[in-house]
Protein backbone atom coordinates (compact mmCIF):
# COMPACT_ATOMS: atom_id res chain seq x y z
CA MET A 1 93.51 116.67 103.18
CA PHE A 2 92.88 112.96 103.62
CA HIS A 3 92.56 111.68 107.18
CA THR A 4 95.19 108.98 106.81
CA ALA A 5 98.66 108.22 108.07
CA ASP A 6 101.62 108.06 105.73
CA ALA A 7 104.68 105.82 105.90
CA LYS A 8 106.62 108.44 107.85
CA ASP A 9 103.94 108.52 110.57
CA ILE A 10 104.13 104.75 110.97
CA LEU A 11 107.92 104.55 110.98
CA GLN A 12 108.15 107.35 113.55
CA GLY A 13 105.84 105.44 115.90
CA LYS A 14 103.01 107.96 115.68
CA ILE A 15 100.46 105.24 114.92
CA THR A 16 100.49 103.88 118.44
CA ASP A 17 98.05 103.67 121.30
CA VAL A 18 99.01 106.45 123.66
CA TYR A 19 99.66 104.13 126.59
CA PHE A 20 102.66 102.70 124.73
CA GLU A 21 104.05 106.20 124.31
CA ARG A 22 103.59 106.81 128.03
CA THR A 23 105.07 103.40 128.87
CA LEU A 24 108.18 104.23 126.85
CA LYS A 25 108.56 107.53 128.72
CA ILE A 26 108.33 105.75 132.11
CA LEU A 27 110.76 102.98 131.15
CA LYS A 28 113.31 105.51 129.92
CA ALA A 29 112.98 107.56 133.11
CA LYS A 30 113.45 104.46 135.27
CA LYS A 31 116.22 103.06 133.02
CA VAL A 32 114.32 99.79 132.55
CA ASN A 33 114.90 98.15 129.18
CA PRO A 34 114.86 94.34 129.35
CA VAL A 35 115.44 92.00 126.43
CA VAL A 36 112.03 90.48 125.82
CA LYS A 37 110.43 88.01 123.47
CA ALA A 38 106.90 88.85 122.37
CA GLU A 39 104.63 86.66 120.30
CA PHE A 40 101.65 87.30 118.04
CA ILE A 41 98.77 84.85 118.37
CA ALA A 42 95.04 84.69 117.74
CA LYS A 43 93.27 82.67 120.42
CA THR A 44 90.08 82.58 118.34
CA LEU A 45 89.18 83.12 114.69
CA PRO A 46 86.18 84.95 113.20
CA GLY A 47 82.84 83.16 113.18
CA ASP A 48 83.23 79.42 113.09
CA TYR A 49 86.48 79.42 111.08
CA GLN A 50 88.73 76.45 111.73
CA TRP A 51 91.78 78.04 110.10
CA ALA A 52 93.02 81.35 108.71
CA VAL A 53 95.65 82.66 106.27
CA LEU A 54 98.52 84.87 107.43
CA ALA A 55 98.91 87.99 105.29
CA GLY A 56 100.42 91.45 105.51
CA MET A 57 103.97 90.21 106.12
CA GLU A 58 105.51 92.19 103.27
CA GLU A 59 104.50 95.42 105.01
CA VAL A 60 105.53 93.99 108.38
CA ALA A 61 108.98 93.27 106.94
CA TYR A 62 109.29 96.88 105.78
CA LEU A 63 108.60 98.12 109.30
CA LEU A 64 110.66 95.53 111.18
CA ASN A 65 113.70 96.07 109.00
CA GLN A 66 113.89 99.59 110.44
CA LEU A 67 114.15 98.21 114.00
CA SER A 68 116.93 96.63 116.04
CA VAL A 69 115.13 93.34 116.66
CA ARG A 70 115.32 89.66 115.80
CA VAL A 71 112.18 88.08 114.42
CA ARG A 72 110.91 84.61 113.68
CA ALA A 73 107.73 84.35 111.62
CA PHE A 74 105.56 82.18 109.42
CA ARG A 75 105.99 82.55 105.69
CA GLU A 76 103.30 84.84 104.28
CA GLY A 77 100.33 82.83 103.07
CA THR A 78 100.75 80.08 105.67
CA VAL A 79 97.53 78.60 107.02
CA PHE A 80 97.48 78.84 110.80
CA TYR A 81 95.26 77.76 113.67
CA PRO A 82 94.19 79.28 117.01
CA TYR A 83 96.93 79.67 119.62
CA GLU A 84 99.77 79.25 117.13
CA PRO A 85 102.37 82.05 117.39
CA VAL A 86 102.70 83.36 113.84
CA MET A 87 105.52 85.75 114.75
CA GLU A 88 107.98 86.30 117.60
CA ILE A 89 109.98 89.50 118.19
CA GLU A 90 113.11 89.52 120.34
CA GLY A 91 114.82 92.72 121.38
CA ARG A 92 115.09 95.52 123.90
CA TYR A 93 111.50 96.41 124.69
CA GLN A 94 112.09 100.14 124.28
CA ASP A 95 113.21 99.50 120.69
CA PHE A 96 109.80 98.27 119.56
CA CYS A 97 107.37 99.27 122.29
CA VAL A 98 105.50 101.91 120.28
CA PHE A 99 105.16 99.74 117.16
CA GLU A 100 102.79 97.12 118.61
CA THR A 101 99.69 98.94 117.37
CA ALA A 102 100.99 99.24 113.81
CA LEU A 103 102.31 95.67 113.62
CA LEU A 104 99.00 94.26 114.78
CA GLY A 105 97.09 96.46 112.37
CA LEU A 106 99.21 95.27 109.45
CA ILE A 107 98.45 91.59 109.98
CA CYS A 108 94.98 91.65 111.58
CA GLN A 109 93.15 93.20 108.64
CA ALA A 110 95.30 91.70 105.89
CA SER A 111 94.87 88.19 107.31
CA GLY A 112 91.12 88.68 107.64
CA ILE A 113 90.83 89.70 103.98
CA ALA A 114 93.10 86.90 102.72
CA THR A 115 91.20 84.33 104.78
CA LYS A 116 87.83 85.46 103.46
CA ALA A 117 89.13 85.39 99.89
CA ALA A 118 90.47 81.87 100.42
CA ARG A 119 87.07 80.74 101.67
CA PHE A 120 85.25 82.23 98.68
CA LYS A 121 87.72 80.70 96.24
CA LYS A 122 87.31 77.28 97.84
CA LEU A 123 83.53 77.58 97.56
CA ALA A 124 83.77 78.73 93.92
CA GLY A 125 86.01 75.85 92.88
CA GLU A 126 87.38 76.38 89.36
CA ARG A 127 85.15 79.42 88.75
CA PRO A 128 87.09 82.73 88.78
CA VAL A 129 86.57 85.05 91.75
CA ILE A 130 87.32 88.74 91.23
CA SER A 131 87.78 91.28 94.03
CA PHE A 132 85.18 94.04 93.54
CA GLY A 133 85.08 95.59 96.99
CA ALA A 134 87.57 98.46 96.96
CA ARG A 135 84.79 101.04 96.63
CA ARG A 136 83.40 100.05 100.03
CA MET A 137 86.54 101.13 101.88
CA HIS A 138 88.69 104.24 102.18
CA PRO A 139 90.58 104.63 98.87
CA VAL A 140 93.97 104.70 100.56
CA LEU A 141 93.29 101.10 101.63
CA ALA A 142 92.24 99.82 98.20
CA PRO A 143 95.64 98.41 97.13
CA MET A 144 96.13 96.72 100.52
CA ILE A 145 92.66 95.18 100.37
CA GLU A 146 92.99 93.87 96.84
CA ARG A 147 96.56 92.69 97.23
CA ASN A 148 95.52 90.52 100.17
CA ALA A 149 92.32 89.38 98.45
CA TYR A 150 94.52 88.22 95.58
CA VAL A 151 97.09 86.38 97.70
CA GLY A 152 94.19 84.72 99.54
CA GLY A 153 92.87 83.22 96.32
CA CYS A 154 91.01 85.79 94.22
CA ASP A 155 91.81 85.41 90.53
CA GLY A 156 91.93 89.12 89.88
CA VAL A 157 91.44 92.64 91.18
CA ALA A 158 89.53 95.64 89.87
CA VAL A 159 91.58 98.69 90.88
CA VAL A 160 94.35 99.98 88.60
CA ARG A 161 96.91 100.57 91.38
CA SER A 162 96.17 97.17 92.90
CA GLY A 163 97.01 95.51 89.62
CA GLU A 164 100.33 97.33 89.54
CA ILE A 165 101.21 96.09 93.02
CA ILE A 166 100.43 92.42 92.36
CA GLY A 167 101.87 92.46 88.85
CA GLU A 168 98.61 91.54 87.10
CA ASP A 169 96.25 93.43 84.82
CA PRO A 170 93.14 94.64 86.65
CA MET A 171 89.83 93.09 85.60
CA GLY A 172 86.45 94.66 84.97
CA THR A 173 83.36 94.63 82.78
CA MET A 174 81.28 97.80 82.40
CA PRO A 175 79.38 99.97 84.89
CA HIS A 176 75.70 100.83 84.81
CA ALA A 177 76.83 104.43 84.29
CA LEU A 178 78.11 103.64 80.78
CA ILE A 179 74.79 102.08 79.79
CA ILE A 180 72.77 104.94 81.28
CA CYS A 181 74.91 107.58 79.56
CA ILE A 182 74.57 105.86 76.18
CA GLY A 183 70.92 104.96 76.77
CA SER A 184 70.93 101.31 75.74
CA THR A 185 72.66 98.14 76.85
CA VAL A 186 73.04 96.95 73.26
CA GLU A 187 74.53 100.25 72.12
CA ALA A 188 76.84 100.33 75.16
CA ILE A 189 78.33 96.90 74.46
CA LYS A 190 78.71 97.85 70.80
CA ALA A 191 80.60 101.00 71.82
CA TYR A 192 82.74 98.91 74.18
CA ASP A 193 83.55 96.62 71.26
CA GLU A 194 84.31 99.47 68.88
CA VAL A 195 86.55 101.50 71.19
CA LEU A 196 88.45 99.04 73.36
CA GLU A 197 91.25 96.75 72.28
CA PRO A 198 90.42 93.09 71.49
CA LYS A 199 92.42 91.92 74.54
CA PHE A 200 89.55 93.08 76.75
CA LYS A 201 86.87 90.43 76.87
CA ARG A 202 83.43 91.59 75.82
CA VAL A 203 81.27 91.24 78.93
CA ALA A 204 77.86 92.94 78.93
CA LEU A 205 75.99 94.07 82.05
CA ILE A 206 72.35 93.10 81.43
CA ASP A 207 70.28 94.32 84.39
CA THR A 208 70.14 98.09 83.84
CA PHE A 209 66.84 98.71 82.03
CA LEU A 210 65.09 95.50 80.97
CA ASP A 211 64.28 92.03 82.22
CA GLU A 212 67.51 90.02 82.34
CA LYS A 213 66.29 87.29 80.02
CA PHE A 214 65.22 89.62 77.23
CA GLU A 215 68.28 91.88 77.61
CA ALA A 216 70.51 88.80 77.45
CA LEU A 217 68.94 87.75 74.17
CA ASN A 218 69.14 91.29 72.74
CA VAL A 219 72.86 91.55 73.55
CA ALA A 220 73.70 88.03 72.38
CA GLU A 221 72.02 88.58 69.01
CA ALA A 222 73.64 91.99 68.56
CA MET A 223 77.16 90.84 69.39
CA GLY A 224 77.12 87.37 67.90
CA GLY A 225 80.34 85.44 68.47
CA LYS A 226 82.15 88.47 69.92
CA LEU A 227 80.33 88.27 73.27
CA TYR A 228 82.34 86.46 75.96
CA ALA A 229 80.04 86.78 78.97
CA MET A 230 77.16 88.57 80.62
CA ARG A 231 77.15 89.98 84.14
CA LEU A 232 74.08 90.06 86.35
CA ASP A 233 74.31 92.56 89.18
CA THR A 234 70.58 92.44 89.82
CA PRO A 235 69.62 94.46 92.93
CA GLY A 236 68.49 92.42 95.90
CA SER A 237 65.12 94.21 95.85
CA ARG A 238 64.48 92.86 92.32
CA ARG A 239 65.99 89.42 92.57
CA GLY A 240 63.32 87.21 94.03
CA ASN A 241 65.01 83.86 93.43
CA PHE A 242 68.38 84.76 91.89
CA TYR A 243 69.14 81.16 90.98
CA ARG A 244 65.92 80.94 88.95
CA ILE A 245 66.70 84.19 87.10
CA LEU A 246 70.12 82.85 86.14
CA GLU A 247 68.70 79.46 85.23
CA GLU A 248 66.15 81.11 82.95
CA VAL A 249 68.79 83.25 81.23
CA ARG A 250 71.00 80.20 80.72
CA TRP A 251 68.11 78.19 79.27
CA GLU A 252 67.13 80.89 76.78
CA LEU A 253 70.71 81.47 75.67
CA ASN A 254 71.37 77.77 75.17
CA LEU A 255 68.10 77.29 73.30
CA ARG A 256 69.26 79.86 70.74
CA GLY A 257 72.78 78.52 70.33
CA HIS A 258 74.62 80.86 72.70
CA ASN A 259 75.97 78.05 74.90
CA ASN A 260 79.45 79.59 74.86
CA VAL A 261 78.39 82.85 76.55
CA LYS A 262 79.35 82.75 80.21
CA LEU A 263 77.35 84.11 83.15
CA TYR A 264 79.07 86.32 85.73
CA VAL A 265 77.32 87.49 88.89
CA SER A 266 78.03 90.18 91.47
CA GLY A 267 76.22 92.29 94.02
CA GLY A 268 76.16 91.58 97.75
CA LEU A 269 77.14 87.92 97.49
CA LYS A 270 77.86 85.98 100.67
CA GLU A 271 79.52 82.63 101.29
CA GLU A 272 76.22 80.79 101.55
CA ASP A 273 75.18 81.99 98.08
CA LEU A 274 77.91 80.21 96.16
CA PRO A 275 76.89 76.56 96.68
CA VAL A 276 73.40 77.52 95.48
CA LEU A 277 74.53 79.51 92.43
CA ASN A 278 77.50 77.41 91.31
CA PRO A 279 75.49 75.19 88.90
CA VAL A 280 74.53 78.21 86.74
CA VAL A 281 77.42 80.65 87.33
CA ASP A 282 80.79 80.81 85.56
CA ALA A 283 82.50 83.55 87.61
CA TYR A 284 81.92 85.78 90.63
CA GLY A 285 82.63 89.40 91.51
CA ILE A 286 82.81 89.58 95.30
CA GLY A 287 82.79 93.00 96.91
CA THR A 288 81.91 93.92 100.47
CA SER A 289 82.09 90.37 101.81
CA ILE A 290 85.86 90.39 101.16
CA SER A 291 86.76 94.05 101.58
CA ASN A 292 84.85 94.22 104.88
CA ALA A 293 86.03 90.80 106.06
CA PRO A 294 86.22 90.35 109.84
CA VAL A 295 89.75 90.91 111.09
CA VAL A 296 91.80 88.17 112.69
CA ASP A 297 92.07 89.23 116.33
CA PHE A 298 95.81 88.88 116.88
CA ALA A 299 97.37 90.04 120.14
CA MET A 300 101.02 90.72 120.93
CA ASP A 301 102.19 89.54 124.34
CA ILE A 302 105.53 89.35 126.09
CA MET A 303 106.26 85.77 127.13
CA GLU A 304 109.96 85.96 128.06
CA VAL A 305 111.99 88.62 129.94
CA ASP A 306 115.79 88.51 130.03
CA GLY A 307 115.74 84.80 129.24
CA THR A 308 113.12 83.88 131.86
CA PRO A 309 109.68 82.63 130.72
CA LEU A 310 107.10 85.15 131.91
CA ALA A 311 103.63 85.90 130.57
CA LYS A 312 100.39 87.41 131.78
CA ARG A 313 97.47 85.30 132.89
CA GLY A 314 95.81 83.37 130.07
CA LYS A 315 99.00 83.09 128.01
CA TRP A 316 101.63 80.36 127.74
CA SER A 317 105.00 81.69 128.84
CA GLY A 318 108.26 80.97 127.07
CA SER A 319 109.49 80.94 123.50
CA LYS A 320 107.84 78.32 121.27
CA ARG A 321 108.18 76.32 118.10
CA VAL A 322 105.28 75.62 115.74
CA LEU A 323 105.53 72.30 113.94
CA ARG A 324 103.83 70.76 110.87
CA CYS A 325 104.12 67.13 109.88
CA ARG A 326 105.35 66.67 106.32
CA LYS A 327 103.31 63.47 105.98
CA CYS A 328 99.89 64.09 107.60
CA ASN A 329 99.97 67.89 108.12
CA ALA A 330 99.38 67.51 111.86
CA SER A 331 100.29 70.58 113.94
CA GLY A 332 102.01 71.06 117.26
CA ILE A 333 103.23 73.81 119.58
CA VAL A 334 106.23 72.92 121.73
CA PRO A 335 108.78 74.80 123.88
CA ASN A 336 111.68 76.28 121.95
CA ASP A 337 114.22 74.13 123.79
CA GLY A 338 115.90 72.31 120.92
CA LYS A 339 114.34 68.91 121.64
CA LYS A 340 113.45 66.69 118.71
CA HIS A 341 109.83 65.78 118.07
CA GLY A 342 108.29 63.18 115.80
CA CYS A 343 104.70 62.86 114.64
CA ARG A 344 102.51 59.97 115.74
CA CYS A 345 102.01 59.05 112.08
CA GLY A 346 105.73 58.40 111.77
CA GLY A 347 106.36 61.49 109.67
CA LYS A 348 108.84 64.28 110.35
CA PHE A 349 107.97 67.73 111.63
CA ASN A 350 108.98 70.96 109.94
CA ASP A 351 109.35 74.24 111.82
CA VAL A 352 107.03 76.88 110.37
CA LEU A 353 108.06 79.66 112.75
CA VAL A 354 111.45 80.42 111.21
CA PRO A 355 113.99 83.30 111.15
CA PHE A 356 112.49 86.33 109.41
CA CYS A 357 114.85 89.25 110.05
CA ASP A 358 117.76 90.18 112.31
CA LYS A 359 118.41 93.82 113.16
CA GLY A 360 117.54 95.15 109.74
CA LYS A 361 118.75 92.17 107.72
CA ALA A 362 116.06 90.18 105.93
CA LEU A 363 116.35 86.41 106.46
CA GLN A 364 113.33 85.33 104.44
CA LYS A 365 112.97 86.09 100.76
CA LEU A 366 109.66 87.83 100.16
CA SER A 367 107.67 86.05 97.47
CA PRO A 368 105.73 87.75 94.65
CA ALA A 369 101.98 87.97 95.24
CA LYS A 370 101.33 85.36 92.56
CA ASP A 371 103.54 82.80 94.31
CA ILE A 372 101.93 83.49 97.70
CA ARG A 373 98.52 82.91 96.12
CA THR A 374 99.66 79.56 94.72
CA PHE A 375 101.02 78.59 98.15
CA VAL A 376 97.70 79.48 99.81
CA LEU A 377 95.62 77.52 97.32
CA GLU A 378 97.83 74.44 97.68
CA GLN A 379 97.19 74.40 101.43
CA VAL A 380 93.50 75.27 101.32
CA LYS A 381 92.54 72.58 98.81
CA ARG A 382 92.97 69.90 101.50
CA LEU A 383 91.11 71.79 104.22
CA GLU A 384 87.43 71.83 105.15
CA LEU A 385 85.46 75.05 105.68
């Protein structure tokens, strides 16, 4: 069997740190069950990130709607900053005590993946970025990884099930295995062209047997106007200066009239590679850098008990509002006391921590993945990395 939890395990509270299970037992024995408010914040972000993207809220909604709690939360895809509460749960503590572990897990990893995807897309500009990293993670996680890579900004995903979830056709070229089985890159792309429907773009992988430049010319001449692009997945041990390899291929193709053939690259790419490669690359396949993105280190903490502000050391007690200025996009965190606040620029603030669900009733309409992606990209385009 696979060593994974299923939905039933999560909904029954089995995916919990054992001390929550023991805490629940003690509270029940002592008949202690206060109404608390607990918030989810990240005090710091991975690396030197200045901002992150909230993701995983569709799964959070599925879990929370089974519980007798009230929740305020950011809309999925919202850019957030350190110390901002992205979600607040209000209810009897016993009703959600054992779900802290699962709730954190749902947003920590999803937000990390979406944030990394947003960063890569910003670096790539108008060039497509495709999620290629599902094979680096447990297969049960593949749809979650690629869904959140897509909402963060990736233009497409590679796994069949992931495409079904986001409502988009999966994308892919050809593997080295096809070329090795057939014995020739030229014959492999010809077979691809003969067998597959015209809707699939003809993209040849050109680093299996021969030097990239000569294989590129062989494939371009064999396919003529049918060839859409070439992908270079050159191993790091053979790259030397990857930019120069790509530059050489581009030069030779252009010199022979193949200016329209695009160059795709993949294989261990990191953020710092994109600014270097952008002048000679038309699209990227990003794998491990996105699928193994650092998680956003959210914590859940009680900050109000039976209406009284109360939090542990290092946390701000009391319920809060998170504000964004409509005019200048300035942010603010203020007590949730109903007072009005205006921005120094003269603009008006909007609340971004808004009602999400109330004892099983959804209060926010969940957006399709495509719309969340658009929302993310609109915000990220005005931000610096």
